[in-house]
């Protein structure tokens, strides 16, 4: 049995199609957990790769989750003085999704986020303590117009040059636990847990 190898470009040409040459993928991911790749400066959040996952207890039966995407904000970072870093984030409440349409609608009501009146939550850092690749970020979290101090346990995930935008990218993970009752959302406690665990995936692009 004879095998005929015909280039794909030739087949497209015979068919009158358009030849599209795909860019060769790099041999390795451009981002690595190497702090020496962080040059510092002013960064903007990459909203397409930044997510806030939240988890809460439901009646002691399950630990349910949801996610908020498309946050915006800025990061100022100096590798020589990481403790001076500053971060500011705006979180669009309407982008909250649990995968349950009725619950999403309920969470927008006044007993929870009251999103018609308070469409955004914000976090503004007030201090940073660095320990190697880890950091403790203190700041003010505002939800429903109520501001409370919050501490994020953050760790450096990776940095490098984005192959398409040709801009430096840097990413972090962070965790925290807050009480929703602190922000005027104590509805249904204790049937629905007061403590809310946060896991944050944050990507930034140098400006």
Protein backbone atom coordinates (compact mmCIF):
# COMPACT_ATOMS: atom_id res chain seq x y z
CA UNK A 1 0.00 0.00 0.00
CA UNK A 2 1.50 3.30 -1.08
CA UNK A 3 1.32 6.38 1.12
CA UNK A 4 1.09 9.82 -0.45
CA UNK A 5 2.25 12.81 1.61
CA UNK A 6 0.78 16.01 0.25
CA UNK A 7 1.50 19.31 2.08
CA UNK A 8 -1.60 20.92 3.56
CA UNK A 9 -0.80 24.18 1.78
CA UNK A 10 -0.87 22.38 -1.58
CA UNK A 11 -4.24 20.83 -0.79
CA UNK A 12 -5.66 24.24 0.09
CA UNK A 13 -4.25 25.71 -3.10
CA UNK A 14 -5.82 22.95 -5.19
CA UNK A 15 -9.13 23.57 -3.46
CA UNK A 16 -8.90 27.30 -4.00
CA UNK A 17 -8.59 27.92 -0.29
CA UNK A 18 -6.55 30.41 1.67
CA UNK A 19 -3.26 29.34 3.19
CA UNK A 20 -2.85 30.37 6.83
CA UNK A 21 0.58 29.85 8.33
CA UNK A 22 0.29 29.10 12.05
CA UNK A 23 2.83 30.64 14.39
CA UNK A 24 5.01 28.00 15.95
CA UNK A 25 4.34 27.56 19.64
CA UNK A 26 7.25 28.24 22.01
CA UNK A 27 9.02 25.23 23.46
CA UNK A 28 8.24 26.33 27.03
CA UNK A 29 5.78 28.59 28.82
CA UNK A 30 7.07 32.18 28.86
CA UNK A 31 6.20 32.71 32.50
CA UNK A 32 8.28 31.09 35.24
CA UNK A 33 8.53 31.32 39.02
CA UNK A 34 11.66 33.44 38.79
CA UNK A 35 11.51 36.78 40.60
CA UNK A 36 14.54 38.03 38.67
CA UNK A 37 12.24 38.38 35.65
CA UNK A 38 10.21 41.06 37.43
CA UNK A 39 11.53 44.45 36.32
CA UNK A 40 8.95 46.44 38.23
CA UNK A 41 7.00 49.57 37.42
CA UNK A 42 3.30 50.17 36.95
CA UNK A 43 1.05 47.27 35.97
CA UNK A 44 -2.63 46.96 35.08
CA UNK A 45 -4.76 43.96 35.93
CA UNK A 46 -5.35 41.57 33.06
CA UNK A 47 -9.13 41.17 33.55
CA UNK A 48 -9.33 38.08 31.33
CA UNK A 49 -6.98 36.12 33.59
CA UNK A 50 -7.94 37.44 37.02
CA UNK A 51 -10.58 35.59 39.05
CA UNK A 52 -11.91 35.62 42.59
CA UNK A 53 -13.25 32.27 43.75
CA UNK A 54 -15.36 32.31 46.92
CA UNK A 55 -16.53 29.39 49.05
CA UNK A 56 -19.11 29.22 51.84
CA UNK A 57 -20.82 26.63 54.01
CA UNK A 58 -24.40 25.66 53.14
CA UNK A 59 -26.30 24.25 56.13
CA UNK A 60 -23.32 22.18 57.16
CA UNK A 61 -23.91 19.89 54.18
CA UNK A 62 -21.70 21.38 51.46
CA UNK A 63 -18.98 23.92 50.78
CA UNK A 64 -20.31 25.72 47.72
CA UNK A 65 -18.37 28.03 45.44
CA UNK A 66 -18.76 30.86 42.98
CA UNK A 67 -16.48 33.10 40.94
CA UNK A 68 -16.17 36.76 40.01
CA UNK A 69 -14.22 37.66 36.86
CA UNK A 70 -13.15 40.77 34.94
CA UNK A 71 -11.74 42.80 37.83
CA UNK A 72 -9.72 45.92 37.00
CA UNK A 73 -7.01 47.80 38.84
CA UNK A 74 -3.33 48.61 39.15
CA UNK A 75 -0.15 47.35 40.79
CA UNK A 76 2.97 49.38 41.48
CA UNK A 77 5.98 47.17 42.11
CA UNK A 78 9.69 47.72 42.75
CA UNK A 79 11.75 44.49 42.99
CA UNK A 80 14.38 46.33 45.04
CA UNK A 81 11.76 47.44 47.55
CA UNK A 82 8.88 44.94 47.40
CA UNK A 83 7.45 46.15 50.73
CA UNK A 84 6.57 49.42 49.00
CA UNK A 85 4.26 47.69 46.51
CA UNK A 86 0.75 49.06 46.16
CA UNK A 87 -2.31 47.42 44.65
CA UNK A 88 -5.80 48.74 43.95
CA UNK A 89 -8.62 46.55 42.63
CA UNK A 90 -12.20 47.14 41.50
CA UNK A 91 -14.49 44.09 41.42
CA UNK A 92 -17.67 44.17 39.26
CA UNK A 93 -20.36 42.54 41.40
CA UNK A 94 -22.60 41.85 38.40
CA UNK A 95 -19.98 39.41 37.12
CA UNK A 96 -20.53 37.08 40.08
CA UNK A 97 -21.52 33.60 38.93
CA UNK A 98 -22.41 30.49 40.89
CA UNK A 99 -23.75 28.47 37.96
CA UNK A 100 -27.26 28.76 39.43
CA UNK A 101 -29.21 31.56 37.76
CA UNK A 102 -31.77 32.03 40.55
CA UNK A 103 -29.04 32.24 43.19
CA UNK A 104 -27.07 34.74 41.12
CA UNK A 105 -30.18 36.94 40.92
CA UNK A 106 -30.80 36.61 44.66
CA UNK A 107 -27.23 37.62 45.49
CA UNK A 108 -27.74 40.91 43.65
CA UNK A 109 -30.66 41.86 45.96
CA UNK A 110 -30.42 44.28 48.94
CA UNK A 111 -30.05 41.52 51.56
CA UNK A 112 -26.81 40.53 49.87
CA UNK A 113 -24.73 42.72 47.53
CA UNK A 114 -27.43 45.26 46.56
CA UNK A 115 -25.62 45.58 43.24
CA UNK A 116 -27.97 48.20 41.80
CA UNK A 117 -26.79 50.61 44.50
CA UNK A 118 -23.26 49.24 44.97
CA UNK A 119 -22.07 47.84 41.61
CA UNK A 120 -18.42 47.47 42.63
CA UNK A 121 -16.37 46.20 45.54
CA UNK A 122 -12.86 47.59 46.01
CA UNK A 123 -9.61 46.63 47.68
CA UNK A 124 -6.82 49.14 48.32
CA UNK A 125 -3.61 47.96 49.95
CA UNK A 126 -2.19 49.74 52.98
CA UNK A 127 0.92 47.65 53.62
CA UNK A 128 3.00 44.72 52.40
CA UNK A 129 5.24 42.34 54.37
CA UNK A 130 7.44 40.18 52.15
CA UNK A 131 8.92 36.80 53.04
CA UNK A 132 10.73 35.31 50.05
CA UNK A 133 8.16 34.60 47.34
CA UNK A 134 5.30 35.11 49.80
CA UNK A 135 3.73 38.32 51.04
CA UNK A 136 1.16 39.46 53.57
CA UNK A 137 -0.87 42.26 52.01
CA UNK A 138 -3.02 44.35 54.33
CA UNK A 139 -5.65 46.65 52.92
CA UNK A 140 -9.15 48.04 53.02
CA UNK A 141 -11.95 46.02 51.45
CA UNK A 142 -15.16 47.91 50.65
CA UNK A 143 -18.41 46.08 49.92
CA UNK A 144 -21.86 47.76 49.97
CA UNK A 145 -20.18 51.00 51.05
CA UNK A 146 -18.75 49.35 54.19
CA UNK A 147 -14.97 49.31 54.58
CA UNK A 148 -13.11 46.76 56.71
CA UNK A 149 -9.42 45.83 57.03
CA UNK A 150 -8.49 42.56 55.34
CA UNK A 151 -5.23 40.62 55.09
CA UNK A 152 -4.35 38.65 51.96
CA UNK A 153 -1.81 35.82 52.07
CA UNK A 154 -0.20 36.13 48.65
CA UNK A 155 2.45 34.21 46.78
CA UNK A 156 4.34 34.98 43.59
CA UNK A 157 3.28 32.62 40.78
CA UNK A 158 5.30 33.65 37.76
CA UNK A 159 6.66 36.37 35.49
CA UNK A 160 7.94 36.78 31.95
CA UNK A 161 7.38 38.39 28.58
CA UNK A 162 4.02 37.74 26.95
CA UNK A 163 4.75 36.32 23.47
CA UNK A 164 1.86 38.14 21.79
CA UNK A 165 1.65 41.52 23.54
CA UNK A 166 5.44 41.73 24.05
CA UNK A 167 4.76 43.12 27.51
CA UNK A 168 5.98 41.88 30.86
CA UNK A 169 3.39 39.90 32.79
CA UNK A 170 3.42 38.90 36.44
CA UNK A 171 0.97 36.75 38.39
CA UNK A 172 0.09 36.04 42.00
CA UNK A 173 -2.22 33.82 44.01
CA UNK A 174 -3.79 35.01 47.26
CA UNK A 175 -6.17 33.73 49.92
CA UNK A 176 -8.21 35.33 52.69
CA UNK A 177 -11.26 34.71 54.85
CA UNK A 178 -13.86 37.39 55.52
CA UNK A 179 -17.21 37.54 57.30
CA UNK A 180 -20.08 38.60 55.08
CA UNK A 181 -21.95 39.96 58.11
CA UNK A 182 -19.17 42.57 58.45
CA UNK A 183 -20.37 43.99 55.14
CA UNK A 184 -24.10 44.08 55.81
CA UNK A 185 -24.78 40.64 54.33
CA UNK A 186 -25.70 38.60 57.39
CA UNK A 187 -28.85 37.23 55.75
CA UNK A 188 -29.57 33.54 56.58
CA UNK A 189 -26.71 33.11 59.08
CA UNK A 190 -26.13 30.45 60.42
CA UNK A 191 -28.00 28.34 57.84
CA UNK A 192 -25.58 29.75 55.29
CA UNK A 193 -22.12 30.27 56.73
CA UNK A 194 -20.92 33.71 57.73
CA UNK A 195 -17.28 32.99 56.86
CA UNK A 196 -16.40 33.26 53.18
CA UNK A 197 -13.11 31.87 51.92
CA UNK A 198 -11.50 33.73 49.05
CA UNK A 199 -8.98 32.41 46.54
CA UNK A 200 -7.66 35.04 44.17
CA UNK A 201 -5.83 34.47 40.90
CA UNK A 202 -4.38 37.79 39.75
CA UNK A 203 -2.56 38.59 36.52
CA UNK A 204 -0.92 41.95 35.75
CA UNK A 205 0.53 43.46 32.56
CA UNK A 206 3.23 46.11 32.62
CA UNK A 207 2.18 49.49 31.25
